[in-house]
Structures are given as C-alpha cells and as structure tokens.
Amino acid sequence: MTAMFGGEGAAGGLRAGLLLLVALGVAGVALSLAYERHWLGAWQLAPWITLGLVIVGVAALAARPTPTTVWLARTVAALAIVGGVIGVWQHIDANYNAGTAGEQDSHDGHSHSHGNEADATSPTLGDVMTGAAGHAPVPSALAIAPVGLALGLATIGLSGRRRPPAG
C-alpha cells in the first residue's frame, strides 16, 4: 500500500483522499440503499453488486497497483458511472409514471391531454427528482456515479509499473 501512496508527494496524498471519498461514498450509498430496502427485485440488486465491485476494485488497487489492478479499477469506475446514470433514468421513469398514473381518463382508460388546461396530476420535475411523485428518490441513484468518478480519478498517473530506480 505504501507503494501507491508513499514517495509520490502531493499525488499520493490526492490519491489517498480520492480513495477515502470512494470509501465514504460506498458507505453512504449502502446506508441509503439499506434504508430504502433496495433489494426486492433483480434490478434493485444491481447497485449492491456495483458497490461490491467498487470495493473489490479499491482493495485490489490499494493492495498492489499492477497494470491488471489499475485496469480493473478503471473498468469498475466506468461501470459505476454508467450504472449510476441507468439508475437515475430508471428512478425518474418510475417516479414520472407513478405521478402520471392519475391522468388516465376513466371513460376509455387511455391517457390524453385536455387542451391547454394545466393538469394538476402532472408531476413537476422537482417532484420527479426528489421522489415526491412516485417512490424512488433520484439522489440515491445519482450517488453511485461520483463514487465511480473518484475511483477513476484515483488511477490517474498509475500505469501499474514500478518506476525505474533513480540512477
């Protein structure tokens, strides 16, 4: 672990700080997921799997920054960012659909607009983002992307190869 942080001056300190942010982010997201009981379906297990992969990536990178572990950490970082974006989209979609469920006309069962009238059941973007419309708070889903970003940034400057001895 000292090979990763020691002897690099500011870069080693920055890397250690980024990995601390990753660890805090993983803990925060896990607590949020646990509070929401986010394990009731296959899609709800995806962020748990992502967090597990992030933990493996950080541990491998901290233990020994080889070309393989650097590649693993970068791959996991990219997956976490993509997973966070997909999670945000799914939460917004679920909230919007839950918020517009009341718009169906009772006569024919189809949704339709009533001209220029303001529809009171149409959710606002703020309601959709916070989970006030629907049940899926978007900030919880959004939190995984910065965890991946911090992990990816922690690998900058690491090729996984040892520096040649100064001579």
N, C-alpha and C. Protein backbone atom coordinates (compact mmCIF):
# COMPACT_ATOMS: atom_id res chain seq x y z
N MET A 1 0.82 -1.18 0.00
CA MET A 1 0.00 0.00 0.00
C MET A 1 0.87 1.25 0.00
N THR A 2 2.02 1.19 0.65
CA THR A 2 2.90 2.35 0.66
C THR A 2 3.44 2.66 -0.73
N ALA A 3 3.53 1.66 -1.59
CA ALA A 3 3.99 1.91 -2.96
C ALA A 3 3.00 2.79 -3.71
N MET A 4 1.74 2.72 -3.33
CA MET A 4 0.73 3.50 -4.02
C MET A 4 0.68 4.94 -3.51
N PHE A 5 0.88 5.15 -2.22
CA PHE A 5 0.73 6.48 -1.64
C PHE A 5 2.06 7.13 -1.27
N GLY A 6 3.02 6.35 -0.88
CA GLY A 6 4.28 6.90 -0.39
C GLY A 6 5.21 7.30 -1.51
N GLY A 7 6.02 8.30 -1.24
CA GLY A 7 7.03 8.71 -2.19
C GLY A 7 6.50 9.45 -3.40
N GLU A 8 5.21 9.78 -3.42
CA GLU A 8 4.65 10.48 -4.57
C GLU A 8 4.26 11.90 -4.23
N GLY A 9 4.55 12.34 -3.01
CA GLY A 9 4.23 13.71 -2.61
C GLY A 9 2.75 14.00 -2.69
N ALA A 10 2.42 15.10 -3.36
CA ALA A 10 1.03 15.54 -3.45
C ALA A 10 0.16 14.53 -4.20
N ALA A 11 0.71 13.88 -5.20
CA ALA A 11 -0.08 12.90 -5.97
C ALA A 11 -0.53 11.74 -5.08
N GLY A 12 0.36 11.27 -4.21
CA GLY A 12 -0.01 10.18 -3.30
C GLY A 12 -1.08 10.61 -2.32
N GLY A 13 -0.95 11.84 -1.81
CA GLY A 13 -1.97 12.37 -0.90
C GLY A 13 -3.32 12.55 -1.57
N LEU A 14 -3.28 13.05 -2.79
CA LEU A 14 -4.52 13.22 -3.55
C LEU A 14 -5.18 11.87 -3.82
N ARG A 15 -4.37 10.89 -4.20
CA ARG A 15 -4.89 9.55 -4.46
C ARG A 15 -5.53 8.96 -3.20
N ALA A 16 -4.86 9.12 -2.06
CA ALA A 16 -5.40 8.63 -0.79
C ALA A 16 -6.73 9.32 -0.46
N GLY A 17 -6.78 10.64 -0.70
CA GLY A 17 -8.02 11.38 -0.46
C GLY A 17 -9.15 10.92 -1.36
N LEU A 18 -8.85 10.65 -2.62
CA LEU A 18 -9.88 10.18 -3.55
C LEU A 18 -10.40 8.80 -3.13
N LEU A 19 -9.49 7.93 -2.72
CA LEU A 19 -9.93 6.61 -2.27
C LEU A 19 -10.73 6.69 -0.97
N LEU A 20 -10.41 7.66 -0.12
CA LEU A 20 -11.23 7.89 1.07
C LEU A 20 -12.63 8.34 0.67
N LEU A 21 -12.71 9.22 -0.32
CA LEU A 21 -14.02 9.64 -0.84
C LEU A 21 -14.80 8.45 -1.40
N VAL A 22 -14.12 7.55 -2.08
CA VAL A 22 -14.77 6.35 -2.61
C VAL A 22 -15.33 5.53 -1.45
N ALA A 23 -14.52 5.32 -0.41
CA ALA A 23 -14.98 4.53 0.73
C ALA A 23 -16.18 5.19 1.42
N LEU A 24 -16.12 6.50 1.61
CA LEU A 24 -17.25 7.21 2.22
C LEU A 24 -18.48 7.14 1.33
N GLY A 25 -18.28 7.27 0.02
CA GLY A 25 -19.40 7.18 -0.93
C GLY A 25 -20.05 5.81 -0.91
N VAL A 26 -19.23 4.76 -0.86
CA VAL A 26 -19.77 3.39 -0.81
C VAL A 26 -20.59 3.22 0.46
N ALA A 27 -20.06 3.69 1.59
CA ALA A 27 -20.79 3.56 2.86
C ALA A 27 -22.10 4.34 2.81
N GLY A 28 -22.06 5.56 2.27
CA GLY A 28 -23.28 6.37 2.19
C GLY A 28 -24.33 5.76 1.28
N VAL A 29 -23.91 5.29 0.12
CA VAL A 29 -24.86 4.67 -0.81
C VAL A 29 -25.43 3.39 -0.20
N ALA A 30 -24.59 2.60 0.44
CA ALA A 30 -25.07 1.35 1.07
C ALA A 30 -26.10 1.65 2.15
N LEU A 31 -25.84 2.68 2.97
CA LEU A 31 -26.81 3.05 4.00
C LEU A 31 -28.13 3.52 3.39
N SER A 32 -28.02 4.31 2.31
CA SER A 32 -29.22 4.79 1.63
C SER A 32 -30.03 3.63 1.04
N LEU A 33 -29.32 2.70 0.40
CA LEU A 33 -30.00 1.53 -0.18
C LEU A 33 -30.64 0.68 0.91
N ALA A 34 -29.95 0.50 2.02
CA ALA A 34 -30.50 -0.30 3.11
C ALA A 34 -31.74 0.38 3.70
N TYR A 35 -31.69 1.70 3.87
CA TYR A 35 -32.83 2.45 4.40
C TYR A 35 -34.04 2.30 3.49
N GLU A 36 -33.81 2.30 2.19
CA GLU A 36 -34.90 2.17 1.22
C GLU A 36 -35.31 0.71 0.98
N ARG A 37 -34.64 -0.22 1.64
CA ARG A 37 -34.88 -1.67 1.43
C ARG A 37 -34.79 -2.01 -0.07
N HIS A 38 -33.68 -1.60 -0.63
CA HIS A 38 -33.46 -1.70 -2.07
C HIS A 38 -32.89 -3.06 -2.42
N TRP A 39 -33.70 -4.12 -2.26
CA TRP A 39 -33.25 -5.47 -2.57
C TRP A 39 -34.42 -6.37 -2.94
N LEU A 40 -35.55 -5.79 -3.29
CA LEU A 40 -36.76 -6.57 -3.51
C LEU A 40 -36.93 -7.13 -4.92
N GLY A 41 -36.05 -6.77 -5.83
CA GLY A 41 -36.15 -7.29 -7.19
C GLY A 41 -34.77 -7.37 -7.81
N ALA A 42 -34.70 -7.98 -8.98
CA ALA A 42 -33.41 -8.17 -9.65
C ALA A 42 -32.74 -6.83 -9.94
N TRP A 43 -33.48 -5.85 -10.46
CA TRP A 43 -32.89 -4.55 -10.75
C TRP A 43 -32.44 -3.85 -9.49
N GLN A 44 -33.12 -4.11 -8.38
CA GLN A 44 -32.73 -3.44 -7.14
C GLN A 44 -31.45 -4.02 -6.55
N LEU A 45 -31.01 -5.16 -7.03
CA LEU A 45 -29.74 -5.73 -6.57
C LEU A 45 -28.55 -5.16 -7.34
N ALA A 46 -28.80 -4.56 -8.50
CA ALA A 46 -27.72 -4.04 -9.33
C ALA A 46 -26.80 -3.04 -8.59
N PRO A 47 -27.35 -2.07 -7.84
CA PRO A 47 -26.42 -1.15 -7.16
C PRO A 47 -25.61 -1.85 -6.06
N TRP A 48 -26.18 -2.88 -5.44
CA TRP A 48 -25.42 -3.63 -4.44
C TRP A 48 -24.24 -4.34 -5.09
N ILE A 49 -24.50 -4.92 -6.26
CA ILE A 49 -23.42 -5.60 -6.99
C ILE A 49 -22.36 -4.57 -7.41
N THR A 50 -22.81 -3.41 -7.87
CA THR A 50 -21.87 -2.35 -8.26
C THR A 50 -21.01 -1.94 -7.08
N LEU A 51 -21.63 -1.75 -5.91
CA LEU A 51 -20.85 -1.38 -4.73
C LEU A 51 -19.84 -2.47 -4.36
N GLY A 52 -20.24 -3.72 -4.49
CA GLY A 52 -19.31 -4.82 -4.23
C GLY A 52 -18.13 -4.79 -5.17
N LEU A 53 -18.39 -4.52 -6.45
CA LEU A 53 -17.30 -4.42 -7.43
C LEU A 53 -16.38 -3.24 -7.12
N VAL A 54 -16.96 -2.14 -6.68
CA VAL A 54 -16.14 -0.97 -6.32
C VAL A 54 -15.22 -1.33 -5.15
N ILE A 55 -15.74 -2.03 -4.16
CA ILE A 55 -14.93 -2.44 -3.01
C ILE A 55 -13.78 -3.33 -3.46
N VAL A 56 -14.08 -4.28 -4.35
CA VAL A 56 -13.03 -5.17 -4.87
C VAL A 56 -11.98 -4.35 -5.64
N GLY A 57 -12.44 -3.41 -6.48
CA GLY A 57 -11.52 -2.58 -7.24
C GLY A 57 -10.62 -1.74 -6.36
N VAL A 58 -11.18 -1.14 -5.32
CA VAL A 58 -10.38 -0.31 -4.40
C VAL A 58 -9.38 -1.18 -3.64
N ALA A 59 -9.84 -2.32 -3.15
CA ALA A 59 -8.94 -3.20 -2.39
C ALA A 59 -7.79 -3.69 -3.26
N ALA A 60 -8.10 -4.09 -4.49
CA ALA A 60 -7.05 -4.57 -5.39
C ALA A 60 -6.07 -3.46 -5.72
N LEU A 61 -6.59 -2.27 -5.97
CA LEU A 61 -5.74 -1.13 -6.32
C LEU A 61 -4.86 -0.73 -5.14
N ALA A 62 -5.43 -0.69 -3.94
CA ALA A 62 -4.67 -0.30 -2.76
C ALA A 62 -3.64 -1.35 -2.37
N ALA A 63 -3.98 -2.62 -2.58
CA ALA A 63 -3.07 -3.69 -2.19
C ALA A 63 -1.84 -3.72 -3.09
N ARG A 64 -2.07 -3.59 -4.38
CA ARG A 64 -0.94 -3.69 -5.31
C ARG A 64 -1.33 -3.07 -6.65
N PRO A 65 -0.86 -1.87 -6.94
CA PRO A 65 -1.23 -1.21 -8.20
C PRO A 65 -0.46 -1.75 -9.40
N THR A 66 -0.86 -2.91 -9.86
CA THR A 66 -0.27 -3.52 -11.05
C THR A 66 -1.07 -3.07 -12.27
N PRO A 67 -0.57 -3.31 -13.47
CA PRO A 67 -1.37 -2.96 -14.66
C PRO A 67 -2.76 -3.61 -14.64
N THR A 68 -2.84 -4.83 -14.12
CA THR A 68 -4.14 -5.53 -14.07
C THR A 68 -5.09 -4.87 -13.08
N THR A 69 -4.60 -4.51 -11.88
CA THR A 69 -5.49 -3.90 -10.90
C THR A 69 -5.87 -2.47 -11.29
N VAL A 70 -4.96 -1.76 -11.95
CA VAL A 70 -5.31 -0.42 -12.45
C VAL A 70 -6.40 -0.54 -13.51
N TRP A 71 -6.26 -1.50 -14.42
CA TRP A 71 -7.29 -1.73 -15.44
C TRP A 71 -8.61 -2.12 -14.78
N LEU A 72 -8.55 -3.00 -13.77
CA LEU A 72 -9.76 -3.42 -13.05
C LEU A 72 -10.44 -2.22 -12.41
N ALA A 73 -9.67 -1.39 -11.72
CA ALA A 73 -10.25 -0.22 -11.06
C ALA A 73 -10.89 0.73 -12.07
N ARG A 74 -10.23 0.95 -13.19
CA ARG A 74 -10.78 1.84 -14.21
C ARG A 74 -12.05 1.27 -14.84
N THR A 75 -12.07 -0.03 -15.05
CA THR A 75 -13.26 -0.68 -15.61
C THR A 75 -14.42 -0.59 -14.64
N VAL A 76 -14.15 -0.87 -13.36
CA VAL A 76 -15.19 -0.79 -12.33
C VAL A 76 -15.69 0.65 -12.22
N ALA A 77 -14.78 1.63 -12.30
CA ALA A 77 -15.17 3.04 -12.24
C ALA A 77 -16.14 3.38 -13.38
N ALA A 78 -15.82 2.94 -14.58
CA ALA A 78 -16.69 3.19 -15.73
C ALA A 78 -18.05 2.52 -15.55
N LEU A 79 -18.05 1.28 -15.06
CA LEU A 79 -19.31 0.58 -14.81
C LEU A 79 -20.15 1.29 -13.76
N ALA A 80 -19.51 1.82 -12.72
CA ALA A 80 -20.24 2.52 -11.67
C ALA A 80 -20.88 3.80 -12.22
N ILE A 81 -20.15 4.51 -13.07
CA ILE A 81 -20.71 5.73 -13.66
C ILE A 81 -21.89 5.40 -14.56
N VAL A 82 -21.73 4.41 -15.42
CA VAL A 82 -22.83 4.00 -16.31
C VAL A 82 -24.01 3.47 -15.49
N GLY A 83 -23.71 2.67 -14.47
CA GLY A 83 -24.77 2.14 -13.59
C GLY A 83 -25.52 3.25 -12.88
N GLY A 84 -24.80 4.28 -12.45
CA GLY A 84 -25.46 5.41 -11.79
C GLY A 84 -26.39 6.14 -12.74
N VAL A 85 -25.95 6.34 -13.98
CA VAL A 85 -26.79 7.01 -14.98
C VAL A 85 -28.04 6.17 -15.27
N ILE A 86 -27.87 4.87 -15.42
CA ILE A 86 -29.03 3.99 -15.66
C ILE A 86 -29.97 4.02 -14.47
N GLY A 87 -29.43 4.01 -13.26
CA GLY A 87 -30.26 4.08 -12.05
C GLY A 87 -31.06 5.37 -11.98
N VAL A 88 -30.42 6.48 -12.31
CA VAL A 88 -31.13 7.76 -12.31
C VAL A 88 -32.27 7.72 -13.32
N TRP A 89 -31.98 7.23 -14.51
CA TRP A 89 -33.03 7.15 -15.55
C TRP A 89 -34.19 6.27 -15.06
N GLN A 90 -33.88 5.12 -14.47
CA GLN A 90 -34.95 4.23 -14.00
C GLN A 90 -35.77 4.88 -12.89
N HIS A 91 -35.12 5.61 -11.99
CA HIS A 91 -35.85 6.27 -10.91
C HIS A 91 -36.74 7.39 -11.44
N ILE A 92 -36.21 8.19 -12.37
CA ILE A 92 -37.02 9.26 -12.95
C ILE A 92 -38.21 8.67 -13.69
N ASP A 93 -37.97 7.62 -14.46
CA ASP A 93 -39.05 6.97 -15.20
C ASP A 93 -40.11 6.41 -14.26
N ALA A 94 -39.68 5.74 -13.20
CA ALA A 94 -40.64 5.17 -12.24
C ALA A 94 -41.44 6.26 -11.56
N ASN A 95 -40.79 7.34 -11.16
CA ASN A 95 -41.48 8.44 -10.49
C ASN A 95 -42.45 9.14 -11.43
N TYR A 96 -42.02 9.37 -12.66
CA TYR A 96 -42.89 10.04 -13.62
C TYR A 96 -44.12 9.18 -13.90
N ASN A 97 -43.90 7.89 -14.13
CA ASN A 97 -45.03 7.00 -14.40
C ASN A 97 -45.99 6.91 -13.22
N ALA A 98 -45.45 6.90 -12.00
CA ALA A 98 -46.31 6.87 -10.82
C ALA A 98 -47.07 8.18 -10.68
N GLY A 99 -46.42 9.29 -11.04
CA GLY A 99 -47.06 10.60 -10.94
C GLY A 99 -48.12 10.84 -11.98
N THR A 100 -47.99 10.20 -13.13
CA THR A 100 -48.97 10.40 -14.21
C THR A 100 -50.04 9.32 -14.22
N ALA A 101 -49.99 8.38 -13.31
CA ALA A 101 -50.98 7.30 -13.29
C ALA A 101 -52.39 7.84 -13.09
N GLY A 102 -52.52 8.96 -12.42
CA GLY A 102 -53.84 9.55 -12.18
C GLY A 102 -54.40 10.29 -13.37
N GLU A 103 -53.61 10.40 -14.45
CA GLU A 103 -54.07 11.15 -15.62
C GLU A 103 -55.00 10.35 -16.53
N GLN A 104 -55.11 9.05 -16.31
CA GLN A 104 -55.93 8.24 -17.21
C GLN A 104 -57.40 8.62 -17.09
N ASP A 105 -58.01 8.73 -18.22
CA ASP A 105 -59.43 9.06 -18.26
C ASP A 105 -60.24 7.84 -17.88
N SER A 106 -61.19 8.00 -17.00
CA SER A 106 -61.96 6.85 -16.52
C SER A 106 -62.91 6.31 -17.58
N HIS A 107 -63.19 7.07 -18.63
CA HIS A 107 -64.12 6.60 -19.65
C HIS A 107 -63.50 5.58 -20.59
N ASP A 108 -62.30 5.85 -21.09
CA ASP A 108 -61.74 4.93 -22.07
C ASP A 108 -60.43 4.29 -21.61
N GLY A 109 -59.90 4.65 -20.44
CA GLY A 109 -58.70 4.02 -19.92
C GLY A 109 -57.42 4.48 -20.60
N HIS A 110 -57.47 5.50 -21.45
CA HIS A 110 -56.28 5.97 -22.14
C HIS A 110 -55.91 7.36 -21.63
N SER A 111 -54.61 7.65 -21.62
CA SER A 111 -54.16 8.98 -21.24
C SER A 111 -54.35 9.92 -22.42
N HIS A 112 -54.76 11.12 -22.14
CA HIS A 112 -54.83 12.13 -23.18
C HIS A 112 -54.83 13.51 -22.56
N SER A 113 -54.44 14.47 -23.37
CA SER A 113 -54.36 15.85 -22.91
C SER A 113 -55.72 16.50 -23.04
N HIS A 114 -55.97 17.46 -22.17
CA HIS A 114 -57.23 18.19 -22.21
C HIS A 114 -56.98 19.60 -22.71
N GLY A 115 -56.32 19.72 -23.85
CA GLY A 115 -56.06 21.04 -24.43
C GLY A 115 -54.98 21.78 -23.67
N ASN A 116 -55.22 23.07 -23.41
CA ASN A 116 -54.24 23.91 -22.73
C ASN A 116 -54.43 23.94 -21.22
N GLU A 117 -55.33 23.15 -20.70
CA GLU A 117 -55.57 23.14 -19.26
C GLU A 117 -54.32 22.66 -18.53
N ALA A 118 -54.09 23.24 -17.38
CA ALA A 118 -52.99 22.74 -16.54
C ALA A 118 -53.51 21.51 -15.81
N ASP A 119 -52.84 20.41 -16.00
CA ASP A 119 -53.26 19.16 -15.38
C ASP A 119 -52.64 19.07 -13.99
N ALA A 120 -53.46 19.05 -12.98
CA ALA A 120 -52.98 19.06 -11.60
C ALA A 120 -52.26 17.77 -11.23
N THR A 121 -52.50 16.67 -11.96
CA THR A 121 -51.84 15.41 -11.60
C THR A 121 -50.51 15.23 -12.30
N SER A 122 -50.13 16.12 -13.19
CA SER A 122 -48.85 16.01 -13.88
C SER A 122 -47.74 16.40 -12.92
N PRO A 123 -46.78 15.51 -12.70
CA PRO A 123 -45.73 15.82 -11.73
C PRO A 123 -44.74 16.84 -12.28
N THR A 124 -44.20 17.65 -11.38
CA THR A 124 -43.16 18.60 -11.78
C THR A 124 -41.82 17.88 -11.80
N LEU A 125 -40.83 18.48 -12.45
CA LEU A 125 -39.51 17.88 -12.48
C LEU A 125 -38.95 17.75 -11.06
N GLY A 126 -39.20 18.74 -10.22
CA GLY A 126 -38.75 18.69 -8.83
C GLY A 126 -39.35 17.51 -8.08
N ASP A 127 -40.65 17.27 -8.29
CA ASP A 127 -41.32 16.14 -7.64
C ASP A 127 -40.76 14.81 -8.13
N VAL A 128 -40.49 14.73 -9.43
CA VAL A 128 -39.95 13.50 -10.01
C VAL A 128 -38.53 13.25 -9.49
N MET A 129 -37.71 14.30 -9.37
CA MET A 129 -36.33 14.14 -8.94
C MET A 129 -36.22 13.76 -7.46
N THR A 130 -37.09 14.29 -6.62
CA THR A 130 -36.98 14.03 -5.18
C THR A 130 -37.72 12.79 -4.74
N GLY A 131 -38.57 12.26 -5.59
CA GLY A 131 -39.35 11.10 -5.20
C GLY A 131 -40.69 11.49 -4.60
N ALA A 132 -41.01 12.81 -4.59
CA ALA A 132 -42.32 13.24 -4.08
C ALA A 132 -43.42 12.71 -4.98
N ALA A 133 -43.13 12.60 -6.27
CA ALA A 133 -44.03 11.92 -7.21
C ALA A 133 -43.42 10.55 -7.40
N GLY A 134 -44.12 9.55 -7.01
CA GLY A 134 -43.57 8.20 -7.09
C GLY A 134 -42.92 7.81 -5.77
N HIS A 135 -41.98 6.90 -5.84
CA HIS A 135 -41.39 6.37 -4.60
C HIS A 135 -39.89 6.21 -4.67
N ALA A 136 -39.28 6.66 -5.75
CA ALA A 136 -37.86 6.37 -5.96
C ALA A 136 -37.04 7.66 -5.94
N PRO A 137 -36.40 7.98 -4.81
CA PRO A 137 -35.60 9.21 -4.77
C PRO A 137 -34.39 9.13 -5.69
N VAL A 138 -34.27 10.07 -6.58
CA VAL A 138 -33.21 10.08 -7.58
C VAL A 138 -31.83 10.34 -6.97
N PRO A 139 -31.69 11.22 -5.95
CA PRO A 139 -30.35 11.44 -5.40
C PRO A 139 -29.65 10.17 -4.94
N SER A 140 -30.38 9.20 -4.44
CA SER A 140 -29.76 7.93 -4.04
C SER A 140 -29.14 7.23 -5.23
N ALA A 141 -29.83 7.24 -6.36
CA ALA A 141 -29.30 6.61 -7.57
C ALA A 141 -28.13 7.41 -8.12
N LEU A 142 -28.21 8.71 -8.01
CA LEU A 142 -27.17 9.58 -8.54
C LEU A 142 -25.86 9.45 -7.77
N ALA A 143 -25.89 9.01 -6.54
CA ALA A 143 -24.69 8.97 -5.69
C ALA A 143 -23.65 7.96 -6.17
N ILE A 144 -24.03 6.96 -6.93
CA ILE A 144 -23.07 5.95 -7.37
C ILE A 144 -22.12 6.51 -8.43
N ALA A 145 -22.58 7.41 -9.27
CA ALA A 145 -21.73 7.95 -10.33
C ALA A 145 -20.50 8.69 -9.78
N PRO A 146 -20.62 9.56 -8.77
CA PRO A 146 -19.42 10.21 -8.24
C PRO A 146 -18.45 9.24 -7.56
N VAL A 147 -18.98 8.15 -7.02
CA VAL A 147 -18.10 7.13 -6.44
C VAL A 147 -17.22 6.55 -7.55
N GLY A 148 -17.83 6.24 -8.68
CA GLY A 148 -17.06 5.73 -9.82
C GLY A 148 -16.09 6.76 -10.35
N LEU A 149 -16.51 8.02 -10.40
CA LEU A 149 -15.63 9.07 -10.88
C LEU A 149 -14.41 9.22 -9.98
N ALA A 150 -14.62 9.21 -8.67
CA ALA A 150 -13.49 9.33 -7.73
C ALA A 150 -12.54 8.14 -7.87
N LEU A 151 -13.09 6.95 -8.06
CA LEU A 151 -12.24 5.77 -8.25
C LEU A 151 -11.42 5.91 -9.53
N GLY A 152 -12.05 6.33 -10.59
CA GLY A 152 -11.33 6.52 -11.85
C GLY A 152 -10.24 7.58 -11.73
N LEU A 153 -10.55 8.69 -11.05
CA LEU A 153 -9.56 9.75 -10.87
C LEU A 153 -8.38 9.29 -10.02
N ALA A 154 -8.63 8.37 -9.10
CA ALA A 154 -7.56 7.85 -8.23
C ALA A 154 -6.54 7.04 -9.02
N THR A 155 -6.88 6.63 -10.23
CA THR A 155 -5.94 5.83 -11.03
C THR A 155 -5.09 6.68 -11.98
N ILE A 156 -5.36 7.99 -12.03
CA ILE A 156 -4.58 8.85 -12.92
C ILE A 156 -3.11 8.81 -12.51
N GLY A 157 -2.27 8.59 -13.47
CA GLY A 157 -0.84 8.54 -13.22
C GLY A 157 -0.33 7.18 -12.82
N LEU A 158 -1.24 6.23 -12.66
CA LEU A 158 -0.82 4.87 -12.32
C LEU A 158 -0.80 4.04 -13.60
N SER A 159 0.35 3.54 -13.92
CA SER A 159 0.41 2.62 -15.04
C SER A 159 0.49 1.20 -14.53
N GLY A 160 0.75 1.08 -13.22
CA GLY A 160 0.88 -0.24 -12.63
C GLY A 160 2.30 -0.75 -12.67
N ARG A 161 3.17 -0.06 -13.38
CA ARG A 161 4.57 -0.49 -13.47
C ARG A 161 5.38 0.27 -12.43
N ARG A 162 6.38 -0.38 -11.93
CA ARG A 162 7.26 0.27 -10.97
C ARG A 162 8.16 1.24 -11.72
N ARG A 163 8.47 2.34 -11.06
CA ARG A 163 9.36 3.32 -11.66
C ARG A 163 10.78 2.75 -11.67
N PRO A 164 11.51 3.06 -12.72
CA PRO A 164 12.92 2.60 -12.73
C PRO A 164 13.70 3.30 -11.62
N PRO A 165 14.65 2.60 -11.03
CA PRO A 165 15.42 3.23 -9.95
C PRO A 165 16.16 4.46 -10.46
N ALA A 166 16.19 5.48 -9.62
CA ALA A 166 16.90 6.71 -10.00
C ALA A 166 18.40 6.41 -10.06
N GLY A 167 19.03 6.84 -11.08
CA GLY A 167 20.43 6.44 -11.16
C GLY A 167 21.22 7.31 -11.95
